[in-house]
N, C-alpha and C. Protein backbone atom coordinates (compact mmCIF):
# COMPACT_ATOMS: atom_id res chain seq x y z
N UNK A 1 16.60 1.45 10.03
CA UNK A 1 15.90 1.68 8.77
C UNK A 1 15.12 0.43 8.39
N UNK A 2 13.98 0.65 7.76
CA UNK A 2 13.11 -0.45 7.34
C UNK A 2 12.67 -0.19 5.91
N UNK A 3 12.24 -1.25 5.23
CA UNK A 3 11.68 -1.12 3.89
C UNK A 3 10.17 -1.22 3.99
N UNK A 4 9.49 -0.30 3.30
CA UNK A 4 8.03 -0.28 3.25
C UNK A 4 7.62 -0.29 1.79
N UNK A 5 6.67 -1.16 1.46
CA UNK A 5 6.13 -1.26 0.11
C UNK A 5 4.77 -0.58 0.11
N UNK A 6 4.61 0.45 -0.74
CA UNK A 6 3.33 1.15 -0.84
C UNK A 6 2.71 0.85 -2.20
N UNK A 7 1.42 0.59 -2.20
CA UNK A 7 0.72 0.14 -3.41
C UNK A 7 -0.50 0.99 -3.74
N UNK A 8 -0.82 1.97 -2.90
CA UNK A 8 -2.07 2.73 -3.08
C UNK A 8 -1.85 4.23 -3.08
N UNK A 9 -2.54 4.91 -2.18
CA UNK A 9 -2.55 6.38 -2.19
C UNK A 9 -1.24 7.01 -1.76
N UNK A 10 -0.28 6.21 -1.26
CA UNK A 10 1.02 6.75 -0.87
C UNK A 10 2.03 6.77 -2.01
N UNK A 11 1.70 6.14 -3.14
CA UNK A 11 2.63 6.09 -4.28
C UNK A 11 2.80 7.49 -4.88
N UNK A 12 3.90 7.66 -5.60
CA UNK A 12 4.17 8.90 -6.33
C UNK A 12 2.98 9.25 -7.22
N UNK A 13 2.54 10.52 -7.15
CA UNK A 13 1.43 10.98 -7.98
C UNK A 13 0.06 10.68 -7.42
N UNK A 14 0.00 10.04 -6.27
CA UNK A 14 -1.29 9.69 -5.66
C UNK A 14 -1.59 10.65 -4.50
N UNK A 15 -2.86 10.68 -4.05
CA UNK A 15 -3.31 11.73 -3.13
C UNK A 15 -2.57 11.86 -1.79
N UNK A 16 -2.03 10.78 -1.25
CA UNK A 16 -1.38 10.87 0.06
C UNK A 16 0.14 10.81 -0.01
N UNK A 17 0.70 10.86 -1.21
CA UNK A 17 2.16 10.75 -1.35
C UNK A 17 2.89 11.83 -0.55
N UNK A 18 2.27 13.00 -0.41
CA UNK A 18 2.92 14.12 0.27
C UNK A 18 3.36 13.79 1.69
N UNK A 19 2.70 12.85 2.36
CA UNK A 19 3.10 12.54 3.75
C UNK A 19 4.47 11.85 3.80
N UNK A 20 4.83 11.15 2.72
CA UNK A 20 6.16 10.52 2.67
C UNK A 20 7.26 11.55 2.45
N UNK A 21 6.90 12.70 1.90
CA UNK A 21 7.87 13.74 1.60
C UNK A 21 8.05 14.72 2.75
N UNK A 22 7.17 14.67 3.73
CA UNK A 22 7.16 15.62 4.84
C UNK A 22 8.18 15.19 5.90
N UNK A 23 9.30 15.89 5.96
CA UNK A 23 10.37 15.57 6.90
C UNK A 23 9.94 15.63 8.36
N UNK A 24 8.85 16.31 8.66
CA UNK A 24 8.35 16.37 10.04
C UNK A 24 7.91 14.98 10.52
N UNK A 25 7.62 14.07 9.58
CA UNK A 25 7.18 12.71 9.93
C UNK A 25 8.35 11.74 10.02
N UNK A 26 9.54 12.18 9.61
CA UNK A 26 10.69 11.29 9.56
C UNK A 26 11.23 11.26 8.14
N UNK A 27 12.08 10.28 7.87
CA UNK A 27 12.70 10.19 6.56
C UNK A 27 12.16 9.00 5.77
N UNK A 28 11.94 9.25 4.48
CA UNK A 28 11.54 8.19 3.54
C UNK A 28 12.28 8.44 2.24
N UNK A 29 12.97 7.42 1.74
CA UNK A 29 13.71 7.53 0.47
C UNK A 29 13.22 6.44 -0.47
N UNK A 30 12.84 6.86 -1.68
CA UNK A 30 12.39 5.90 -2.69
C UNK A 30 13.57 5.02 -3.09
N UNK A 31 13.38 3.73 -2.95
CA UNK A 31 14.43 2.77 -3.34
C UNK A 31 14.18 2.24 -4.75
N UNK A 32 12.92 2.17 -5.15
CA UNK A 32 12.60 1.68 -6.49
C UNK A 32 11.18 1.14 -6.54
N UNK A 33 10.88 0.55 -7.69
CA UNK A 33 9.55 -0.06 -7.88
C UNK A 33 9.67 -1.56 -7.71
N UNK A 34 8.55 -2.19 -7.43
CA UNK A 34 8.55 -3.63 -7.28
C UNK A 34 7.15 -4.20 -7.38
N UNK A 35 7.10 -5.51 -7.24
CA UNK A 35 5.82 -6.24 -7.24
C UNK A 35 5.87 -7.30 -6.16
N UNK A 36 4.72 -7.59 -5.59
CA UNK A 36 4.67 -8.68 -4.62
C UNK A 36 5.06 -9.97 -5.34
N UNK A 37 5.83 -10.81 -4.67
CA UNK A 37 6.21 -12.09 -5.26
C UNK A 37 4.98 -12.99 -5.34
N UNK A 38 4.21 -13.02 -4.27
CA UNK A 38 2.96 -13.78 -4.27
C UNK A 38 1.81 -12.87 -4.72
N UNK A 39 0.80 -13.44 -5.34
CA UNK A 39 -0.38 -12.63 -5.66
C UNK A 39 -1.17 -12.30 -4.39
N UNK A 40 -1.81 -11.14 -4.43
CA UNK A 40 -2.71 -10.69 -3.36
C UNK A 40 -3.91 -10.01 -4.01
N UNK A 41 -5.08 -10.07 -3.36
CA UNK A 41 -6.20 -9.29 -3.86
C UNK A 41 -6.04 -7.82 -3.46
N UNK A 42 -5.93 -6.95 -4.45
CA UNK A 42 -5.95 -5.50 -4.22
C UNK A 42 -7.31 -5.01 -4.70
N UNK A 43 -8.11 -4.54 -3.75
CA UNK A 43 -9.47 -4.10 -4.06
C UNK A 43 -9.62 -2.62 -3.69
N UNK A 44 -10.63 -1.99 -4.26
CA UNK A 44 -11.00 -0.63 -3.89
C UNK A 44 -12.34 -0.76 -3.18
N UNK A 45 -12.36 -0.40 -1.89
CA UNK A 45 -13.54 -0.74 -1.09
C UNK A 45 -13.89 0.34 -0.08
N UNK A 46 -15.11 0.25 0.40
CA UNK A 46 -15.59 1.15 1.44
C UNK A 46 -16.15 2.44 0.86
N UNK A 47 -16.77 3.22 1.71
CA UNK A 47 -17.47 4.43 1.25
C UNK A 47 -16.52 5.48 0.69
N UNK A 48 -15.21 5.40 1.00
CA UNK A 48 -14.25 6.39 0.53
C UNK A 48 -13.37 5.87 -0.60
N UNK A 49 -13.70 4.69 -1.13
CA UNK A 49 -12.95 4.08 -2.24
C UNK A 49 -11.46 3.98 -1.93
N UNK A 50 -11.17 3.33 -0.82
CA UNK A 50 -9.79 3.17 -0.36
C UNK A 50 -9.20 1.88 -0.94
N UNK A 51 -7.96 1.96 -1.51
CA UNK A 51 -7.32 0.74 -1.97
C UNK A 51 -6.89 -0.11 -0.77
N UNK A 52 -7.21 -1.39 -0.82
CA UNK A 52 -6.90 -2.29 0.29
C UNK A 52 -6.31 -3.58 -0.25
N UNK A 53 -5.19 -3.95 0.31
CA UNK A 53 -4.55 -5.22 -0.01
C UNK A 53 -5.05 -6.23 1.01
N UNK A 54 -5.88 -7.17 0.57
CA UNK A 54 -6.42 -8.17 1.48
C UNK A 54 -5.33 -9.19 1.80
N UNK A 55 -5.21 -9.52 3.05
CA UNK A 55 -4.14 -10.44 3.47
C UNK A 55 -4.54 -11.88 3.15
N UNK A 56 -4.58 -12.15 1.85
CA UNK A 56 -4.91 -13.48 1.32
C UNK A 56 -3.84 -13.87 0.30
N UNK A 57 -2.60 -14.15 0.77
CA UNK A 57 -1.54 -14.48 -0.18
C UNK A 57 -1.91 -15.69 -1.03
N UNK A 58 -1.54 -15.62 -2.31
CA UNK A 58 -1.82 -16.72 -3.23
C UNK A 58 -3.08 -16.49 -4.04
N UNK A 59 -3.79 -15.41 -3.76
CA UNK A 59 -5.04 -15.11 -4.46
C UNK A 59 -4.94 -13.71 -5.04
N UNK A 60 -5.39 -13.50 -6.26
CA UNK A 60 -5.36 -12.15 -6.84
C UNK A 60 -4.24 -11.98 -7.84
N UNK A 61 -3.54 -10.84 -7.75
CA UNK A 61 -2.49 -10.47 -8.70
C UNK A 61 -1.19 -10.15 -7.97
N UNK A 62 -0.11 -10.18 -8.72
CA UNK A 62 1.15 -9.65 -8.20
C UNK A 62 1.04 -8.13 -8.26
N UNK A 63 0.98 -7.50 -7.12
CA UNK A 63 0.65 -6.09 -7.01
C UNK A 63 1.89 -5.22 -7.17
N UNK A 64 1.76 -4.18 -8.00
CA UNK A 64 2.85 -3.23 -8.26
C UNK A 64 2.82 -2.10 -7.23
N UNK A 65 4.01 -1.60 -6.93
CA UNK A 65 4.09 -0.47 -6.01
C UNK A 65 5.51 0.06 -5.92
N UNK A 66 5.75 0.85 -4.89
CA UNK A 66 7.04 1.48 -4.68
C UNK A 66 7.64 1.03 -3.35
N UNK A 67 8.96 0.92 -3.33
CA UNK A 67 9.68 0.50 -2.13
C UNK A 67 10.38 1.74 -1.55
N UNK A 68 10.13 1.99 -0.28
CA UNK A 68 10.77 3.10 0.42
C UNK A 68 11.61 2.57 1.57
N UNK A 69 12.74 3.21 1.79
CA UNK A 69 13.51 2.98 3.01
C UNK A 69 13.10 4.08 3.96
N UNK A 70 12.63 3.72 5.14
CA UNK A 70 12.12 4.70 6.10
C UNK A 70 12.84 4.55 7.44
N UNK A 71 12.91 5.66 8.17
CA UNK A 71 13.48 5.59 9.51
C UNK A 71 12.38 5.23 10.51
N UNK A 72 12.78 5.02 11.74
CA UNK A 72 11.83 4.59 12.78
C UNK A 72 10.71 5.60 12.99
N UNK A 73 11.04 6.89 12.93
CA UNK A 73 10.01 7.94 13.11
C UNK A 73 8.96 7.84 12.01
N UNK A 74 9.38 7.69 10.76
CA UNK A 74 8.42 7.58 9.65
C UNK A 74 7.60 6.31 9.77
N UNK A 75 8.23 5.21 10.19
CA UNK A 75 7.50 3.96 10.35
C UNK A 75 6.39 4.11 11.39
N UNK A 76 6.70 4.76 12.50
CA UNK A 76 5.66 5.00 13.53
C UNK A 76 4.57 5.93 13.01
N UNK A 77 4.97 6.95 12.24
CA UNK A 77 3.97 7.84 11.64
C UNK A 77 3.05 7.06 10.70
N UNK A 78 3.64 6.20 9.85
CA UNK A 78 2.83 5.42 8.90
C UNK A 78 1.89 4.47 9.63
N UNK A 79 2.34 3.88 10.74
CA UNK A 79 1.44 3.04 11.54
C UNK A 79 0.20 3.83 11.95
N UNK A 80 0.42 5.04 12.43
CA UNK A 80 -0.71 5.87 12.86
C UNK A 80 -1.55 6.30 11.66
N UNK A 81 -0.89 6.74 10.59
CA UNK A 81 -1.57 7.20 9.39
C UNK A 81 -2.46 6.10 8.80
N UNK A 82 -1.97 4.86 8.82
CA UNK A 82 -2.70 3.73 8.24
C UNK A 82 -3.68 3.08 9.23
N UNK A 83 -3.79 3.64 10.42
CA UNK A 83 -4.73 3.08 11.38
C UNK A 83 -4.33 1.69 11.84
N UNK A 84 -3.05 1.48 12.00
CA UNK A 84 -2.52 0.18 12.40
C UNK A 84 -2.57 0.08 13.93
N UNK A 85 -3.12 -0.96 14.49
CA UNK A 85 -3.48 -2.25 13.89
C UNK A 85 -4.98 -2.43 13.63
N UNK A 86 -5.79 -1.38 13.74
CA UNK A 86 -7.24 -1.57 13.60
C UNK A 86 -7.71 -1.64 12.15
N UNK A 87 -7.33 -0.65 11.32
CA UNK A 87 -7.77 -0.65 9.92
C UNK A 87 -6.85 -1.51 9.06
N UNK A 88 -5.56 -1.36 9.27
CA UNK A 88 -4.55 -2.13 8.54
C UNK A 88 -3.62 -2.80 9.55
N UNK A 89 -2.97 -3.86 9.09
CA UNK A 89 -1.93 -4.52 9.88
C UNK A 89 -0.64 -4.41 9.08
N UNK A 90 0.45 -4.17 9.79
CA UNK A 90 1.76 -4.09 9.13
C UNK A 90 2.40 -5.47 9.18
N UNK A 91 2.61 -6.06 8.00
CA UNK A 91 3.19 -7.40 7.91
C UNK A 91 4.36 -7.38 6.93
N UNK A 92 5.23 -8.37 7.03
CA UNK A 92 6.34 -8.50 6.09
C UNK A 92 5.91 -9.30 4.86
N UNK A 93 6.26 -8.78 3.70
CA UNK A 93 5.93 -9.41 2.42
C UNK A 93 7.18 -9.39 1.56
N UNK A 94 7.38 -10.43 0.76
CA UNK A 94 8.52 -10.47 -0.15
C UNK A 94 8.16 -9.74 -1.44
N UNK A 95 9.03 -8.77 -1.79
CA UNK A 95 8.81 -7.93 -2.97
C UNK A 95 9.94 -8.17 -3.97
N UNK A 96 9.57 -8.41 -5.24
CA UNK A 96 10.55 -8.51 -6.33
C UNK A 96 10.88 -7.09 -6.76
N UNK A 97 12.17 -6.74 -6.72
CA UNK A 97 12.62 -5.40 -7.06
C UNK A 97 12.79 -5.29 -8.57
N UNK A 98 12.10 -4.33 -9.19
CA UNK A 98 12.20 -4.13 -10.64
C UNK A 98 13.58 -3.62 -11.02
N UNK A 99 14.12 -4.18 -12.08
CA UNK A 99 15.38 -3.70 -12.63
C UNK A 99 16.62 -4.17 -11.89
N UNK A 100 16.49 -4.52 -10.63
CA UNK A 100 17.66 -4.90 -9.84
C UNK A 100 17.78 -6.41 -9.71
N UNK A 101 16.71 -7.10 -10.04
CA UNK A 101 16.70 -8.52 -9.77
C UNK A 101 16.70 -8.72 -8.27
N UNK A 102 16.33 -9.85 -7.81
CA UNK A 102 16.32 -10.12 -6.39
C UNK A 102 15.06 -9.64 -5.71
N UNK A 103 15.01 -9.91 -4.43
CA UNK A 103 13.83 -9.59 -3.63
C UNK A 103 14.23 -8.87 -2.36
N UNK A 104 13.26 -8.23 -1.74
CA UNK A 104 13.43 -7.57 -0.45
C UNK A 104 12.25 -7.93 0.44
N UNK A 105 12.50 -8.05 1.72
CA UNK A 105 11.42 -8.18 2.70
C UNK A 105 10.99 -6.76 3.06
N UNK A 106 9.74 -6.45 2.81
CA UNK A 106 9.21 -5.11 3.06
C UNK A 106 7.97 -5.19 3.94
N UNK A 107 7.81 -4.17 4.75
CA UNK A 107 6.56 -4.03 5.47
C UNK A 107 5.50 -3.56 4.48
N UNK A 108 4.31 -4.09 4.63
CA UNK A 108 3.17 -3.66 3.82
C UNK A 108 1.97 -3.53 4.76
N UNK A 109 1.12 -2.58 4.46
CA UNK A 109 -0.11 -2.40 5.25
C UNK A 109 -1.23 -3.13 4.53
N UNK A 110 -1.68 -4.23 5.13
CA UNK A 110 -2.73 -5.04 4.52
C UNK A 110 -3.94 -5.09 5.45
N UNK A 111 -5.04 -5.54 4.89
CA UNK A 111 -6.30 -5.63 5.62
C UNK A 111 -6.59 -7.08 5.94
N UNK A 112 -6.64 -7.40 7.22
CA UNK A 112 -6.90 -8.78 7.64
C UNK A 112 -8.37 -9.00 7.99
N UNK A 113 -9.06 -7.95 8.40
CA UNK A 113 -10.49 -8.07 8.72
C UNK A 113 -11.27 -7.15 7.80
N UNK A 114 -12.27 -7.71 7.17
CA UNK A 114 -13.04 -6.96 6.17
C UNK A 114 -14.35 -7.70 5.93
N UNK A 115 -15.34 -6.98 5.38
CA UNK A 115 -16.60 -7.66 5.04
C UNK A 115 -16.35 -8.75 4.00
N UNK A 116 -16.99 -9.90 4.13
CA UNK A 116 -16.74 -11.03 3.21
C UNK A 116 -16.96 -10.68 1.74
N UNK A 117 -17.82 -9.72 1.44
CA UNK A 117 -18.09 -9.39 0.04
C UNK A 117 -16.89 -8.71 -0.63
N UNK A 118 -15.94 -8.18 0.13
CA UNK A 118 -14.77 -7.54 -0.48
C UNK A 118 -13.94 -8.54 -1.28
N UNK A 119 -13.98 -9.80 -0.92
CA UNK A 119 -13.22 -10.83 -1.65
C UNK A 119 -13.73 -10.95 -3.09
N UNK A 120 -14.97 -10.55 -3.33
CA UNK A 120 -15.57 -10.69 -4.65
C UNK A 120 -15.49 -9.42 -5.49
N UNK A 121 -14.88 -8.35 -4.94
CA UNK A 121 -14.69 -7.12 -5.72
C UNK A 121 -13.61 -7.36 -6.78
N UNK A 122 -13.57 -6.52 -7.82
CA UNK A 122 -12.52 -6.68 -8.83
C UNK A 122 -11.13 -6.53 -8.22
N UNK A 123 -10.21 -7.37 -8.66
CA UNK A 123 -8.82 -7.32 -8.20
C UNK A 123 -8.00 -6.47 -9.17
N UNK A 124 -7.16 -5.62 -8.62
CA UNK A 124 -6.30 -4.73 -9.40
C UNK A 124 -4.85 -5.16 -9.19
N UNK A 125 -3.99 -4.80 -10.15
CA UNK A 125 -2.57 -5.11 -9.97
C UNK A 125 -1.72 -3.86 -9.83
N UNK A 126 -2.28 -2.69 -10.16
CA UNK A 126 -1.54 -1.42 -10.07
C UNK A 126 -2.55 -0.31 -9.83
N UNK A 127 -2.61 0.20 -8.61
CA UNK A 127 -3.61 1.19 -8.23
C UNK A 127 -3.27 2.58 -8.76
N UNK A 128 -4.29 3.27 -9.25
CA UNK A 128 -4.21 4.68 -9.61
C UNK A 128 -5.55 5.29 -9.21
N UNK A 129 -5.51 6.33 -8.38
CA UNK A 129 -6.76 6.93 -7.88
C UNK A 129 -7.61 7.50 -9.02
N UNK A 130 -7.00 7.77 -10.17
CA UNK A 130 -7.73 8.30 -11.32
C UNK A 130 -7.91 7.23 -12.41
N UNK A 131 -7.77 5.96 -12.04
CA UNK A 131 -7.79 4.87 -13.01
C UNK A 131 -9.13 4.63 -13.67
N UNK A 132 -9.11 3.70 -14.63
CA UNK A 132 -10.31 3.36 -15.41
C UNK A 132 -11.41 2.75 -14.56
N UNK A 133 -11.08 2.32 -13.35
CA UNK A 133 -12.07 1.72 -12.46
C UNK A 133 -13.19 2.70 -12.11
N UNK A 134 -12.93 4.02 -12.19
CA UNK A 134 -13.95 5.02 -11.94
C UNK A 134 -14.31 5.22 -10.47
N UNK A 135 -13.57 4.60 -9.57
CA UNK A 135 -13.85 4.71 -8.13
C UNK A 135 -12.90 5.75 -7.53
N UNK A 136 -13.34 6.98 -7.51
CA UNK A 136 -12.49 8.08 -7.06
C UNK A 136 -12.29 8.03 -5.55
N UNK A 137 -11.04 8.09 -5.15
CA UNK A 137 -10.67 8.14 -3.74
C UNK A 137 -11.17 9.44 -3.12
N UNK A 138 -11.76 9.32 -1.94
CA UNK A 138 -12.23 10.49 -1.20
C UNK A 138 -11.17 10.85 -0.17
N UNK A 139 -10.42 11.93 -0.40
CA UNK A 139 -9.32 12.30 0.50
C UNK A 139 -9.80 12.56 1.93
N UNK A 140 -8.91 12.30 2.87
CA UNK A 140 -9.22 12.45 4.29
C UNK A 140 -9.75 13.83 4.62
N UNK A 141 -9.18 14.86 3.98
CA UNK A 141 -9.60 16.22 4.29
C UNK A 141 -11.05 16.51 3.86
N UNK A 142 -11.63 15.66 3.02
CA UNK A 142 -13.01 15.84 2.57
C UNK A 142 -14.03 14.99 3.34
N UNK A 143 -13.56 14.19 4.30
CA UNK A 143 -14.47 13.28 5.00
C UNK A 143 -15.12 13.95 6.19
């Protein structure tokens, strides 16, 4: 079992959350909410308005999200779903667990290669596809 921190479209109530609930992909159990201990730039970028955590620790905001315990099958599914290692890279990040105190080492899908102008996009601390930012996520099925 591994811990995965999701901060974007995989969170509860977001467009891709359903893949975490689909037992055909493996098992995923919500452990709780948390925030990155270090700040990171969370931007909404690209033609499909995809939330991306830029792998620039120490810059940006402490990003909010959800912590899931996943089995090996779900972890492999998420690697494929997130386009790892080409679109995203799976790295370990320290997450402060809300309400429980303490921290957990969680896998997170971050973006290590990106156009330089993405660093100058607005930084978010809690992604919502319907948020005030006005950048509507374009679901995969519509592309």
